[in-house]
Amino acid sequence: MTKNKVFILVDCSGSMSGEPIQQATLLVNELVKSLCNNSNSRKAKASIITYNMEVKEGVAMSPVTSVKAASINEECSGPKNLGKAIKYVNDSSPESKLIFIITKGKPSDVQLYNEQIKLCKNNNDDIIVLHGNIDKYGDTFNETAKIVSPWDSVNFPEIIKVLFGGKEKTSSDGRDLLQEPPKVIEIQIE
């Protein structure tokens, strides 16, 4: 079953300050672009949520073709309350969904995180973790995530194809196409 809601959770804790949050912004933009360029995923809706001590919905649930991530203007400080962010997602969307987590560490609120991940598993949610320090903390997510990928080698078109099927939309000269071609109309003249 294809999931129609995509939640992009971006770690804005203290360890993400400076270059890491800039890299996370690039990852979000590439992810949204890949969602728009796939024939199946471009019909989905997406939301961008930041988390540290607090959880904030930076971009409300919208069609992926209208999501603009430009930059994440969040002050990076405090703990990684990923459990709190996943609880926010679970509370706002009881149906099966995709959750992308962009982080550089592991959750600070471990008990709440474990409770919420259990709910995600029971709900058949797919979790994809994009990790900036995979050698140190990547194993934290191996049992819960469908895909765990390091930031420097993530292949969004391939991940989107695995999750949604469909085809990447590009023109004959390699440029990205962001809209469906017009439908062919047959006219019979008698």
Protein backbone atom coordinates (compact mmCIF):
# COMPACT_ATOMS: atom_id res chain seq x y z
CA MET A 1 0.00 0.00 0.00
CA THR A 2 1.40 3.41 -0.95
CA LYS A 3 1.57 5.89 1.88
CA ASN A 4 0.23 9.32 0.97
CA LYS A 5 1.67 11.32 3.87
CA VAL A 6 5.38 12.07 4.24
CA PHE A 7 6.76 13.61 7.42
CA ILE A 8 10.29 15.03 7.29
CA LEU A 9 11.73 15.38 10.81
CA VAL A 10 14.82 17.59 11.05
CA ASP A 11 17.05 17.51 14.13
CA CYS A 12 17.74 21.08 15.36
CA SER A 13 19.53 20.12 18.58
CA GLY A 14 22.84 21.65 19.65
CA SER A 15 24.97 19.22 17.61
CA MET A 16 23.29 20.42 14.40
CA SER A 17 24.53 24.02 14.72
CA GLY A 18 26.44 25.50 11.78
CA GLU A 19 27.39 23.25 8.87
CA PRO A 20 25.18 20.28 9.90
CA ILE A 21 21.93 22.29 9.72
CA GLN A 22 23.03 23.69 6.35
CA GLN A 23 23.61 20.12 5.15
CA ALA A 24 20.21 19.09 6.56
CA THR A 25 18.56 21.92 4.59
CA LEU A 26 20.20 20.66 1.39
CA LEU A 27 18.99 17.13 2.17
CA VAL A 28 15.42 18.34 2.70
CA ASN A 29 15.48 20.24 -0.59
CA GLU A 30 16.86 17.21 -2.47
CA LEU A 31 14.26 14.95 -0.85
CA VAL A 32 11.38 17.25 -1.82
CA LYS A 33 12.76 17.54 -5.36
CA SER A 34 12.93 13.73 -5.66
CA LEU A 35 9.39 13.36 -4.33
CA CYS A 36 8.20 15.86 -6.97
CA ASN A 37 10.08 14.11 -9.77
CA ASN A 38 8.69 10.61 -9.18
CA SER A 39 5.49 9.75 -11.04
CA ASN A 40 3.92 8.13 -7.95
CA SER A 41 5.27 10.15 -5.01
CA ARG A 42 4.43 13.53 -6.55
CA LYS A 43 0.80 12.82 -5.58
CA ALA A 44 1.71 12.62 -1.88
CA LYS A 45 1.56 15.32 0.78
CA ALA A 46 4.51 16.33 2.96
CA SER A 47 5.21 18.21 6.17
CA ILE A 48 8.55 19.47 7.51
CA ILE A 49 8.94 19.33 11.29
CA THR A 50 11.92 20.50 13.34
CA TYR A 51 12.73 19.17 16.78
CA ASN A 52 15.06 19.83 19.69
CA MET A 53 13.58 20.65 23.12
CA GLU A 54 10.41 21.64 21.26
CA VAL A 55 8.65 20.33 18.16
CA LYS A 56 7.67 22.83 15.45
CA GLU A 57 5.84 22.27 12.19
CA GLY A 58 7.81 24.46 9.77
CA VAL A 59 5.77 23.44 6.72
CA ALA A 60 2.21 22.23 7.23
CA MET A 61 1.00 19.11 5.40
CA SER A 62 0.77 20.17 1.74
CA PRO A 63 1.06 18.59 -1.72
CA VAL A 64 4.77 17.85 -2.29
CA THR A 65 4.68 19.92 -5.47
CA SER A 66 3.95 23.04 -3.38
CA VAL A 67 6.42 22.40 -0.52
CA LYS A 68 9.26 24.90 -0.36
CA ALA A 69 12.01 24.03 2.10
CA ALA A 70 14.47 26.82 1.10
CA SER A 71 16.24 26.93 4.47
CA ILE A 72 15.63 25.78 7.99
CA ASN A 73 15.75 28.92 10.12
CA GLU A 74 15.74 27.25 13.48
CA GLU A 75 18.23 27.99 16.25
CA CYS A 76 20.07 24.75 16.94
CA SER A 77 20.26 24.11 20.67
CA GLY A 78 19.19 21.68 23.33
CA PRO A 79 18.51 17.94 23.28
CA LYS A 80 17.33 15.64 20.47
CA ASN A 81 13.72 15.01 21.52
CA LEU A 82 13.00 12.70 18.60
CA GLY A 83 10.45 10.74 20.65
CA LYS A 84 8.48 13.95 21.14
CA ALA A 85 8.63 14.67 17.39
CA ILE A 86 7.41 11.17 16.49
CA LYS A 87 4.61 11.50 19.07
CA TYR A 88 3.57 14.74 17.34
CA VAL A 89 3.46 12.86 14.02
CA ASN A 90 1.57 9.88 15.47
CA ASP A 91 -0.98 12.17 17.15
CA SER A 92 -1.57 14.18 13.96
CA SER A 93 -1.77 11.25 11.54
CA PRO A 94 -3.14 7.89 12.68
CA GLU A 95 -2.99 6.37 9.17
CA SER A 96 0.09 4.61 7.79
CA LYS A 97 2.80 7.08 6.75
CA LEU A 98 6.42 7.66 5.77
CA ILE A 99 8.74 9.32 8.27
CA PHE A 100 12.12 10.68 7.17
CA ILE A 101 14.46 11.51 10.05
CA ILE A 102 17.45 13.76 9.40
CA THR A 103 19.79 13.66 12.39
CA LYS A 104 23.39 13.48 13.52
CA GLY A 105 22.92 11.58 16.76
CA LYS A 106 20.53 9.47 18.78
CA PRO A 107 17.34 10.40 20.67
CA SER A 108 17.66 12.11 24.06
CA ASP A 109 14.15 11.05 25.15
CA VAL A 110 14.79 7.31 24.79
CA GLN A 111 11.73 6.02 26.68
CA LEU A 112 9.26 8.17 24.73
CA TYR A 113 11.12 7.38 21.50
CA ASN A 114 10.80 3.61 22.12
CA GLU A 115 7.07 3.95 22.93
CA GLN A 116 6.39 5.97 19.77
CA ILE A 117 8.48 3.69 17.53
CA LYS A 118 6.42 0.75 18.79
CA LEU A 119 3.26 2.60 17.70
CA CYS A 120 4.86 3.27 14.30
CA LYS A 121 5.64 -0.44 13.87
CA ASN A 122 2.08 -1.40 14.85
CA ASN A 123 0.79 1.15 12.33
CA ASN A 124 3.03 -0.22 9.56
CA ASP A 125 4.79 3.14 9.13
CA ASP A 126 8.02 3.26 7.12
CA ILE A 127 10.92 5.10 8.76
CA ILE A 128 13.92 6.29 6.77
CA VAL A 129 16.90 7.70 8.68
CA LEU A 130 19.43 10.00 7.02
CA HIS A 131 22.34 10.15 9.43
CA GLY A 132 25.26 12.58 9.59
CA ASN A 133 27.32 10.47 12.00
CA ILE A 134 26.39 6.96 10.98
CA ASP A 135 29.62 5.34 12.17
CA LYS A 136 28.99 6.44 15.75
CA TYR A 137 25.17 6.38 16.07
CA GLY A 138 23.74 4.70 12.97
CA ASP A 139 23.18 1.36 14.74
CA THR A 140 20.65 3.10 17.00
CA PHE A 141 18.13 3.00 14.15
CA ASN A 142 18.87 -0.37 12.48
CA GLU A 143 16.00 -2.24 14.14
CA THR A 144 13.41 0.49 13.59
CA ALA A 145 14.19 1.99 10.19
CA LYS A 146 13.45 0.53 6.78
CA ILE A 147 16.46 2.43 5.39
CA VAL A 148 19.44 4.03 7.19
CA SER A 149 21.68 6.10 4.92
CA PRO A 150 24.67 8.38 5.56
CA TRP A 151 24.25 12.00 4.45
CA ASP A 152 27.18 11.91 2.05
CA SER A 153 25.90 9.02 -0.07
CA VAL A 154 22.11 9.23 0.07
CA ASN A 155 20.43 8.41 -3.24
CA PHE A 156 16.98 10.04 -3.03
CA PRO A 157 15.67 8.93 -6.45
CA GLU A 158 16.47 5.31 -5.54
CA ILE A 159 14.94 5.58 -2.05
CA ILE A 160 11.77 7.17 -3.46
CA LYS A 161 11.55 4.46 -6.12
CA VAL A 162 11.84 1.74 -3.42
CA LEU A 163 9.10 3.40 -1.35
CA PHE A 164 6.70 4.52 -4.10
CA GLY A 165 7.61 2.66 -7.27
CA GLY A 166 7.09 4.92 -10.26
CA LYS A 167 9.66 6.51 -12.50
CA GLU A 168 11.96 9.50 -12.23
CA LYS A 169 10.72 12.33 -14.44
CA THR A 170 13.39 13.92 -16.62
CA SER A 171 13.37 15.43 -20.09
CA SER A 172 15.32 14.01 -23.03
CA ASP A 173 18.14 16.47 -22.35
CA GLY A 174 18.37 15.50 -18.66
CA ARG A 175 16.55 18.50 -17.17
CA ASP A 176 14.09 17.82 -14.38
CA LEU A 177 10.40 17.96 -15.23
CA LEU A 178 8.16 19.13 -12.42
CA GLN A 179 4.77 18.65 -13.98
CA GLU A 180 2.84 15.97 -15.82
CA PRO A 181 2.82 16.17 -19.61
CA PRO A 182 -0.59 17.09 -21.07
CA LYS A 183 -3.06 14.27 -21.69
CA VAL A 184 -3.50 13.19 -25.30
CA ILE A 185 -6.96 13.91 -26.64
CA GLU A 186 -8.19 11.96 -29.62
CA ILE A 187 -10.58 13.73 -31.96
CA GLN A 188 -12.43 11.88 -34.67
CA ILE A 189 -13.57 13.90 -37.67
CA GLU A 190 -16.30 12.34 -39.73
